[in-house]
Amino acid sequence: MASPATPQGGDPRAARSRRRRGTPVHERSRVGRFWGGLEDYVRTAWWGIVSPRVTERRPLVIVQAVILRDARDGRGREVLLSVRSDLFGWELPGGTPEPGETREQSLVREVREETGLTVEVEAHVGDWVRRGFRPHTARIYRCRVAGGTEAPSHETPRLGWFDVEGLPGALFPWYRAPLEATLAPAETPILREEWQGAATIWQAMKIDLAMRWRGLPGG
């Protein structure tokens, strides 16, 4: 009896090719991760260079959560980070608001979709206005877990809690300043401007390529 993936009289090699295309990039072999990365890089280049200048009519705003908890051993605090399925490296959960949502509503929804957790927004930490590659404003909020069950998603296949004093080397560099500001809060939300040029892109690529070489942590 023929398997559903290989119809009777079909080419088994074609069926294997279809299965490989359906496998998420992070679950592929080292060669597959690098090959899939080429497509990811093309999409990222379009999103970062062409789209903001050609197809978008409004400045992009991204909401992101610094989710903190007390460490399990009672010493210090931990922050929840995630790894996306298209650009490999640790980052803060979050995303873009949908029409009709407040920034806080959007953040709660995005975190729930990406992590399985429901969070309570405690404070608006500040806004990071970034120019250069992928112009956008990142609005950062401090949050705590209010419910839910931690679970990765197809968009964020890896989650991890890290000591705030021992952040991973594979953390994308533009998240360090927001994390530092969250841990040493000001009386009012802060405003920072940053330039993301070739040096920033190269740092991100090194993190991504290293993780493609080794595979995602915990895999």
C-alpha atoms as a PDB file:
ATOM      1  CA  MET A   1       0.000   0.000   0.000  1.00  0.00           C
ATOM      2  CA  ALA A   2       1.455   3.401  -0.929  1.00  0.00           C
ATOM      3  CA  SER A   3       2.092   5.906   1.849  1.00  0.00           C
ATOM      4  CA  PRO A   4       0.117   9.184   1.761  1.00  0.00           C
ATOM      5  CA  ALA A   5       3.352  11.100   1.046  1.00  0.00           C
ATOM      6  CA  THR A   6       4.221   8.888  -1.927  1.00  0.00           C
ATOM      7  CA  PRO A   7       1.192   8.227  -4.143  1.00  0.00           C
ATOM      8  CA  GLN A   8       1.203   4.947  -5.966  1.00  0.00           C
ATOM      9  CA  GLY A   9       3.262   5.317  -9.157  1.00  0.00           C
ATOM     10  CA  GLY A  10       4.784   8.602  -7.911  1.00  0.00           C
ATOM     11  CA  ASP A  11       8.473   9.455  -7.667  1.00  0.00           C
ATOM     12  CA  PRO A  12       9.806   8.720  -4.133  1.00  0.00           C
ATOM     13  CA  ARG A  13      12.512  11.355  -4.589  1.00  0.00           C
ATOM     14  CA  ALA A  14       9.882  14.015  -5.269  1.00  0.00           C
ATOM     15  CA  ALA A  15       8.024  12.972  -2.121  1.00  0.00           C
ATOM     16  CA  ARG A  16      11.205  13.275  -0.057  1.00  0.00           C
ATOM     17  CA  SER A  17      11.806  16.717  -1.550  1.00  0.00           C
ATOM     18  CA  ARG A  18       8.269  17.816  -0.587  1.00  0.00           C
ATOM     19  CA  ARG A  19       8.817  16.605   2.983  1.00  0.00           C
ATOM     20  CA  ARG A  20      12.111  18.524   3.232  1.00  0.00           C
ATOM     21  CA  ARG A  21      10.473  21.740   2.008  1.00  0.00           C
ATOM     22  CA  GLY A  22       7.819  21.332   4.686  1.00  0.00           C
ATOM     23  CA  THR A  23      10.371  20.874   7.475  1.00  0.00           C
ATOM     24  CA  PRO A  24      10.986  24.072   9.475  1.00  0.00           C
ATOM     25  CA  VAL A  25      14.459  25.452   8.815  1.00  0.00           C
ATOM     26  CA  HIS A  26      15.563  25.087  12.439  1.00  0.00           C
ATOM     27  CA  GLU A  27      14.760  21.344  12.351  1.00  0.00           C
ATOM     28  CA  ARG A  28      16.869  20.643   9.264  1.00  0.00           C
ATOM     29  CA  SER A  29      20.432  19.413   9.009  1.00  0.00           C
ATOM     30  CA  ARG A  30      23.298  21.894   9.123  1.00  0.00           C
ATOM     31  CA  VAL A  31      23.292  22.168   5.330  1.00  0.00           C
ATOM     32  CA  GLY A  32      19.507  22.622   5.354  1.00  0.00           C
ATOM     33  CA  ARG A  33      19.731  25.363   7.979  1.00  0.00           C
ATOM     34  CA  PHE A  34      22.240  27.305   5.892  1.00  0.00           C
ATOM     35  CA  TRP A  35      20.327  26.737   2.665  1.00  0.00           C
ATOM     36  CA  GLY A  36      17.103  27.888   4.312  1.00  0.00           C
ATOM     37  CA  GLY A  37      18.999  30.867   5.657  1.00  0.00           C
ATOM     38  CA  LEU A  38      19.530  32.201   2.154  1.00  0.00           C
ATOM     39  CA  GLU A  39      15.775  32.601   1.712  1.00  0.00           C
ATOM     40  CA  ASP A  40      15.465  34.083   5.197  1.00  0.00           C
ATOM     41  CA  TYR A  41      18.197  36.618   4.401  1.00  0.00           C
ATOM     42  CA  VAL A  42      16.480  37.689   1.174  1.00  0.00           C
ATOM     43  CA  ARG A  43      13.190  38.251   3.031  1.00  0.00           C
ATOM     44  CA  THR A  44      14.991  40.114   5.818  1.00  0.00           C
ATOM     45  CA  ALA A  45      16.817  42.343   3.313  1.00  0.00           C
ATOM     46  CA  TRP A  46      13.518  43.229   1.624  1.00  0.00           C
ATOM     47  CA  TRP A  47      11.851  43.860   4.980  1.00  0.00           C
ATOM     48  CA  GLY A  48      14.758  45.930   6.252  1.00  0.00           C
ATOM     49  CA  ILE A  49      15.777  47.947   3.203  1.00  0.00           C
ATOM     50  CA  VAL A  50      13.103  48.020   0.502  1.00  0.00           C
ATOM     51  CA  SER A  51       9.767  47.745   2.292  1.00  0.00           C
ATOM     52  CA  PRO A  52      10.156  50.767   4.643  1.00  0.00           C
ATOM     53  CA  ARG A  53      11.062  52.999   1.711  1.00  0.00           C
ATOM     54  CA  VAL A  54       8.736  51.690  -0.986  1.00  0.00           C
ATOM     55  CA  THR A  55       5.628  49.903   0.264  1.00  0.00           C
ATOM     56  CA  GLU A  56       4.983  51.141   3.817  1.00  0.00           C
ATOM     57  CA  ARG A  57       2.980  54.265   4.485  1.00  0.00           C
ATOM     58  CA  ARG A  58       3.319  54.445   8.275  1.00  0.00           C
ATOM     59  CA  PRO A  59       6.372  54.209  10.514  1.00  0.00           C
ATOM     60  CA  LEU A  60       6.724  50.750  12.027  1.00  0.00           C
ATOM     61  CA  VAL A  61       6.117  50.380  15.767  1.00  0.00           C
ATOM     62  CA  ILE A  62       7.088  47.164  17.546  1.00  0.00           C
ATOM     63  CA  VAL A  63       6.048  46.342  21.111  1.00  0.00           C
ATOM     64  CA  GLN A  64       8.374  44.133  23.142  1.00  0.00           C
ATOM     65  CA  ALA A  65       8.251  42.641  26.615  1.00  0.00           C
ATOM     66  CA  VAL A  66      10.924  42.340  29.253  1.00  0.00           C
ATOM     67  CA  ILE A  67       9.323  39.536  31.275  1.00  0.00           C
ATOM     68  CA  LEU A  68      10.967  39.162  34.672  1.00  0.00           C
ATOM     69  CA  ARG A  69      10.647  36.654  37.489  1.00  0.00           C
ATOM     70  CA  ASP A  70      12.524  35.780  40.649  1.00  0.00           C
ATOM     71  CA  ALA A  71      15.194  33.145  40.075  1.00  0.00           C
ATOM     72  CA  ARG A  72      14.276  29.630  41.185  1.00  0.00           C
ATOM     73  CA  ASP A  73      17.139  29.567  43.705  1.00  0.00           C
ATOM     74  CA  GLY A  74      15.966  32.883  45.169  1.00  0.00           C
ATOM     75  CA  ARG A  75      19.081  34.688  44.013  1.00  0.00           C
ATOM     76  CA  GLY A  76      18.466  37.499  41.588  1.00  0.00           C
ATOM     77  CA  ARG A  77      16.042  37.722  38.687  1.00  0.00           C
ATOM     78  CA  GLU A  78      15.560  36.034  35.334  1.00  0.00           C
ATOM     79  CA  VAL A  79      14.308  37.313  31.979  1.00  0.00           C
ATOM     80  CA  LEU A  80      12.460  35.332  29.313  1.00  0.00           C
ATOM     81  CA  LEU A  81      14.038  35.350  25.850  1.00  0.00           C
ATOM     82  CA  SER A  82      13.048  33.661  22.608  1.00  0.00           C
ATOM     83  CA  VAL A  83      14.614  32.516  19.331  1.00  0.00           C
ATOM     84  CA  ARG A  84      12.674  33.234  16.152  1.00  0.00           C
ATOM     85  CA  SER A  85      12.318  30.739  13.337  1.00  0.00           C
ATOM     86  CA  ASP A  86      13.764  33.022  10.652  1.00  0.00           C
ATOM     87  CA  LEU A  87      16.680  34.862  12.257  1.00  0.00           C
ATOM     88  CA  PHE A  88      18.477  32.765  14.862  1.00  0.00           C
ATOM     89  CA  GLY A  89      19.470  34.571  18.046  1.00  0.00           C
ATOM     90  CA  TRP A  90      17.992  35.379  21.445  1.00  0.00           C
ATOM     91  CA  GLU A  91      15.603  38.324  21.642  1.00  0.00           C
ATOM     92  CA  LEU A  92      12.651  39.781  23.534  1.00  0.00           C
ATOM     93  CA  PRO A  93       9.150  38.472  22.753  1.00  0.00           C
ATOM     94  CA  GLY A  94       6.818  40.879  20.986  1.00  0.00           C
ATOM     95  CA  GLY A  95       5.513  42.026  17.633  1.00  0.00           C
ATOM     96  CA  THR A  96       3.461  44.589  15.771  1.00  0.00           C
ATOM     97  CA  PRO A  97       0.060  45.940  16.832  1.00  0.00           C
ATOM     98  CA  GLU A  98      -3.011  45.055  14.813  1.00  0.00           C
ATOM     99  CA  PRO A  99      -5.655  47.652  13.849  1.00  0.00           C
ATOM    100  CA  GLY A 100      -7.845  48.604  16.798  1.00  0.00           C
ATOM    101  CA  GLU A 101      -5.428  47.346  19.464  1.00  0.00           C
ATOM    102  CA  THR A 102      -3.741  49.451  22.091  1.00  0.00           C
ATOM    103  CA  ARG A 103      -0.014  48.921  22.458  1.00  0.00           C
ATOM    104  CA  GLU A 104      -0.554  47.005  25.692  1.00  0.00           C
ATOM    105  CA  GLN A 105      -3.247  44.770  24.191  1.00  0.00           C
ATOM    106  CA  SER A 106      -0.968  43.991  21.300  1.00  0.00           C
ATOM    107  CA  LEU A 107       1.889  43.094  23.620  1.00  0.00           C
ATOM    108  CA  VAL A 108      -0.252  40.711  25.683  1.00  0.00           C
ATOM    109  CA  ARG A 109      -1.520  39.008  22.522  1.00  0.00           C
ATOM    110  CA  GLU A 110       1.923  38.680  20.941  1.00  0.00           C
ATOM    111  CA  VAL A 111       3.469  37.252  24.101  1.00  0.00           C
ATOM    112  CA  ARG A 112       0.643  34.737  24.468  1.00  0.00           C
ATOM    113  CA  GLU A 113       1.010  33.647  20.827  1.00  0.00           C
ATOM    114  CA  GLU A 114       4.789  33.309  21.047  1.00  0.00           C
ATOM    115  CA  THR A 115       5.235  31.863  24.541  1.00  0.00           C
ATOM    116  CA  GLY A 116       1.886  30.497  25.756  1.00  0.00           C
ATOM    117  CA  LEU A 117       2.069  32.858  28.743  1.00  0.00           C
ATOM    118  CA  THR A 118      -0.317  35.596  29.787  1.00  0.00           C
ATOM    119  CA  VAL A 119       1.515  38.634  31.075  1.00  0.00           C
ATOM    120  CA  GLU A 120       0.567  41.679  33.064  1.00  0.00           C
ATOM    121  CA  VAL A 121       2.091  44.914  31.814  1.00  0.00           C
ATOM    122  CA  GLU A 122       3.710  46.710  34.743  1.00  0.00           C
ATOM    123  CA  ALA A 123       5.428  49.710  33.164  1.00  0.00           C
ATOM    124  CA  HIS A 124       6.339  51.421  29.911  1.00  0.00           C
ATOM    125  CA  VAL A 125      10.136  51.478  30.060  1.00  0.00           C
ATOM    126  CA  GLY A 126      10.792  53.602  26.999  1.00  0.00           C
ATOM    127  CA  ASP A 127      10.975  53.942  23.227  1.00  0.00           C
ATOM    128  CA  TRP A 128      13.986  53.133  21.052  1.00  0.00           C
ATOM    129  CA  VAL A 129      13.793  54.982  17.735  1.00  0.00           C
ATOM    130  CA  ARG A 130      16.033  53.168  15.266  1.00  0.00           C
ATOM    131  CA  ARG A 131      17.163  54.369  11.872  1.00  0.00           C
ATOM    132  CA  GLY A 132      19.249  52.847   9.129  1.00  0.00           C
ATOM    133  CA  PHE A 133      18.394  49.213   8.478  1.00  0.00           C
ATOM    134  CA  ARG A 134      14.673  48.597   9.163  1.00  0.00           C
ATOM    135  CA  PRO A 135      13.630  52.000  10.585  1.00  0.00           C
ATOM    136  CA  HIS A 136      11.216  51.466  13.474  1.00  0.00           C
ATOM    137  CA  THR A 137      10.328  52.382  17.022  1.00  0.00           C
ATOM    138  CA  ALA A 138      10.615  49.653  19.644  1.00  0.00           C
ATOM    139  CA  ARG A 139       8.339  50.333  22.616  1.00  0.00           C
ATOM    140  CA  ILE A 140       9.583  48.358  25.602  1.00  0.00           C
ATOM    141  CA  TYR A 141       7.436  47.262  28.559  1.00  0.00           C
ATOM    142  CA  ARG A 142       8.292  45.563  31.824  1.00  0.00           C
ATOM    143  CA  CYS A 143       5.976  42.616  32.447  1.00  0.00           C
ATOM    144  CA  ARG A 144       5.354  39.742  34.811  1.00  0.00           C
ATOM    145  CA  VAL A 145       3.766  36.352  34.193  1.00  0.00           C
ATOM    146  CA  ALA A 146       0.119  36.281  35.239  1.00  0.00           C
ATOM    147  CA  GLY A 147      -0.909  32.867  33.872  1.00  0.00           C
ATOM    148  CA  GLY A 148      -0.726  30.424  31.014  1.00  0.00           C
ATOM    149  CA  THR A 149       1.619  27.539  30.275  1.00  0.00           C
ATOM    150  CA  GLU A 150       5.022  28.192  28.767  1.00  0.00           C
ATOM    151  CA  ALA A 151       5.199  26.706  25.278  1.00  0.00           C
ATOM    152  CA  PRO A 152       7.197  27.601  22.148  1.00  0.00           C
ATOM    153  CA  SER A 153       5.449  28.333  18.862  1.00  0.00           C
ATOM    154  CA  HIS A 154       6.176  27.918  15.157  1.00  0.00           C
ATOM    155  CA  GLU A 155       7.301  31.555  15.181  1.00  0.00           C
ATOM    156  CA  THR A 156       9.494  31.206  18.286  1.00  0.00           C
ATOM    157  CA  PRO A 157      10.654  27.577  18.529  1.00  0.00           C
ATOM    158  CA  ARG A 158      12.937  28.173  21.529  1.00  0.00           C
ATOM    159  CA  LEU A 159      12.282  29.892  24.853  1.00  0.00           C
ATOM    160  CA  GLY A 160      14.668  30.307  27.744  1.00  0.00           C
ATOM    161  CA  TRP A 161      14.947  31.998  31.134  1.00  0.00           C
ATOM    162  CA  PHE A 162      18.282  33.697  31.789  1.00  0.00           C
ATOM    163  CA  ASP A 163      19.851  35.313  34.814  1.00  0.00           C
ATOM    164  CA  VAL A 164      19.800  39.055  34.158  1.00  0.00           C
ATOM    165  CA  GLU A 165      23.452  39.142  35.208  1.00  0.00           C
ATOM    166  CA  GLY A 166      24.395  36.371  32.775  1.00  0.00           C
ATOM    167  CA  LEU A 167      22.701  37.101  29.465  1.00  0.00           C
ATOM    168  CA  PRO A 168      23.610  34.803  26.562  1.00  0.00           C
ATOM    169  CA  GLY A 169      26.316  35.812  24.113  1.00  0.00           C
ATOM    170  CA  ALA A 170      23.857  35.050  21.300  1.00  0.00           C
ATOM    171  CA  LEU A 171      21.546  37.874  22.405  1.00  0.00           C
ATOM    172  CA  PHE A 172      21.085  40.308  19.521  1.00  0.00           C
ATOM    173  CA  PRO A 173      22.955  43.488  20.511  1.00  0.00           C
ATOM    174  CA  TRP A 174      20.060  45.928  20.195  1.00  0.00           C
ATOM    175  CA  TYR A 175      18.272  44.262  23.131  1.00  0.00           C
ATOM    176  CA  ARG A 176      20.972  44.948  25.710  1.00  0.00           C
ATOM    177  CA  ALA A 177      20.198  48.650  26.246  1.00  0.00           C
ATOM    178  CA  PRO A 178      16.430  48.070  26.735  1.00  0.00           C
ATOM    179  CA  LEU A 179      17.201  45.292  29.218  1.00  0.00           C
ATOM    180  CA  GLU A 180      19.603  47.501  31.147  1.00  0.00           C
ATOM    181  CA  ALA A 181      17.031  50.314  31.235  1.00  0.00           C
ATOM    182  CA  THR A 182      14.347  47.938  32.525  1.00  0.00           C
ATOM    183  CA  LEU A 183      16.578  46.732  35.345  1.00  0.00           C
ATOM    184  CA  ALA A 184      17.477  50.292  36.361  1.00  0.00           C
ATOM    185  CA  PRO A 185      14.166  52.072  35.715  1.00  0.00           C
ATOM    186  CA  ALA A 186      13.850  55.825  35.349  1.00  0.00           C
ATOM    187  CA  GLU A 187      10.984  57.805  36.848  1.00  0.00           C
ATOM    188  CA  THR A 188       9.436  58.332  33.402  1.00  0.00           C
ATOM    189  CA  PRO A 189       9.702  56.396  30.121  1.00  0.00           C
ATOM    190  CA  ILE A 190      12.938  57.162  28.329  1.00  0.00           C
ATOM    191  CA  LEU A 191      13.526  57.993  24.670  1.00  0.00           C
ATOM    192  CA  ARG A 192      16.636  56.781  22.843  1.00  0.00           C
ATOM    193  CA  GLU A 193      17.735  57.067  19.242  1.00  0.00           C
ATOM    194  CA  GLU A 194      19.978  54.463  17.611  1.00  0.00           C
ATOM    195  CA  TRP A 195      21.554  53.895  14.212  1.00  0.00           C
ATOM    196  CA  GLN A 196      21.584  50.366  12.838  1.00  0.00           C
ATOM    197  CA  GLY A 197      24.194  50.240  10.115  1.00  0.00           C
ATOM    198  CA  ALA A 198      26.630  47.723   8.671  1.00  0.00           C
ATOM    199  CA  ALA A 199      28.278  46.956  12.021  1.00  0.00           C
ATOM    200  CA  THR A 200      24.941  46.054  13.608  1.00  0.00           C
ATOM    201  CA  ILE A 201      23.970  43.871  10.652  1.00  0.00           C
ATOM    202  CA  TRP A 202      27.311  42.054  10.798  1.00  0.00           C
ATOM    203  CA  GLN A 203      26.943  41.401  14.546  1.00  0.00           C
ATOM    204  CA  ALA A 204      23.481  39.926  13.961  1.00  0.00           C
ATOM    205  CA  MET A 205      24.719  37.794  11.071  1.00  0.00           C
ATOM    206  CA  LYS A 206      27.529  36.339  13.172  1.00  0.00           C
ATOM    207  CA  ILE A 207      25.043  35.328  15.873  1.00  0.00           C
ATOM    208  CA  ASP A 208      22.646  33.860  13.319  1.00  0.00           C
ATOM    209  CA  LEU A 209      25.324  31.947  11.382  1.00  0.00           C
ATOM    210  CA  ALA A 210      26.859  30.514  14.557  1.00  0.00           C
ATOM    211  CA  MET A 211      23.471  29.199  15.665  1.00  0.00           C
ATOM    212  CA  ARG A 212      22.795  27.748  12.217  1.00  0.00           C
ATOM    213  CA  TRP A 213      26.140  25.940  12.467  1.00  0.00           C
ATOM    214  CA  ARG A 214      25.522  24.511  15.948  1.00  0.00           C
ATOM    215  CA  GLY A 215      21.757  24.170  15.784  1.00  0.00           C
ATOM    216  CA  LEU A 216      19.233  25.813  18.051  1.00  0.00           C
ATOM    217  CA  PRO A 217      19.860  25.404  21.781  1.00  0.00           C
ATOM    218  CA  GLY A 218      17.937  22.578  23.356  1.00  0.00           C
ATOM    219  CA  GLY A 219      17.380  20.902  19.999  1.00  0.00           C
END
